[in-house]
Amino acid sequence: MISRLSGAVIRAMLVVLLVSTPSLLLPGVSADGKQIVVLVAIFGAALTIFEYASAYPGLVEFRDAPPFNRIRFISLFATVFLLTVISRGRVEPTTLTQFVEAIGALIGLAIDFPYSPVRLVVLMLPESTSPEHISLVRTAAGMSYLISLLTLAIFLIVLRLRNWPASHGTFNVWINLPTFDPTAGKDVVKRLERDARFNIALGFLLPFLTPAAVKAAGVVFGSVTLDNPQSLIWTVSAWAFLPASLFMRGIALARIAEMIADKRRETYALAEERDGVPVT
């Protein structure tokens, strides 16, 4: 109980750090903006403590199957931190900000080809946007998209090398998939495979659909300019993080379905050896 509570407190502190990073590093943040950040940080910390301090399932998936959520958190934190550094460099340039911005600009220009996700983000901006701001948005999109691709690569490496999630013992579906009901439907393996394909397909399409949806909504609600640094940081971070998270979830569900199918085959083989008739 003590170790679970201490782990929940540490995770809550990391969530507070994540939410507060742009406000801590960016100059000129208003008092009202800081108050909103504090409220969001408190809410995120409380939700994290309640989730990880409890032995029962809540809302967070793969809670007891590390390093799934750790990889996602590190990916989001790295994205928010680096985009904050890039935005700070436009006001208070340093060697670090210039180096990070140069990498982001290089990646952004490399990915900025017709119909690419980065090109769609740039086209989402109004026609009156200045070239300097377009360059900033392209740099931020390139950096965040690069981090999302690296996140997927790291997760696939961990999946293969560590035999995730079997390396952590028995996988508890009730704890790690609280929104998934294994008793509903006919075959749990087919349902997991279907959900895996859906998440992977949605993760692939989301970087293309989001800018198009924002552009269409701009006709009714007004164009999105992303002039505010914090709006730019969180919007671009979410644009890159959510598809990568869906990809990871789809890959994880496919892996769990594979484990269940393998376990079934082992059970059937043992039953045939013992009785000559597989158990159904």
Foldseek 3Di string as FASTA:
>chain_A
DVVQQVVLQVVLVLLLCQLCQLVVLAPDDDPVNVVVSVVVSVVSSVVSNVQRSDPAADPAACSVQPDLVVLLSVLLSVLLNLLSLCVNCVPVNDPVNVVSLVVLLVQLVVQCDPLGLLVLLLVLADPPADPVLSSSLSSSLSVSQVSLVVSLVVLVVCCPPCVPPPNSPDDDCCHRVVPDDCVPDDHSLVVLLVLLVVLLVCLVCQSNVVSVVQSVCCVPVNGDHCPDSVSSSVVSSCSNSSSSSSNSSSVVSNSVSVVVVVVQVVQQVVCCVVPVGGDD
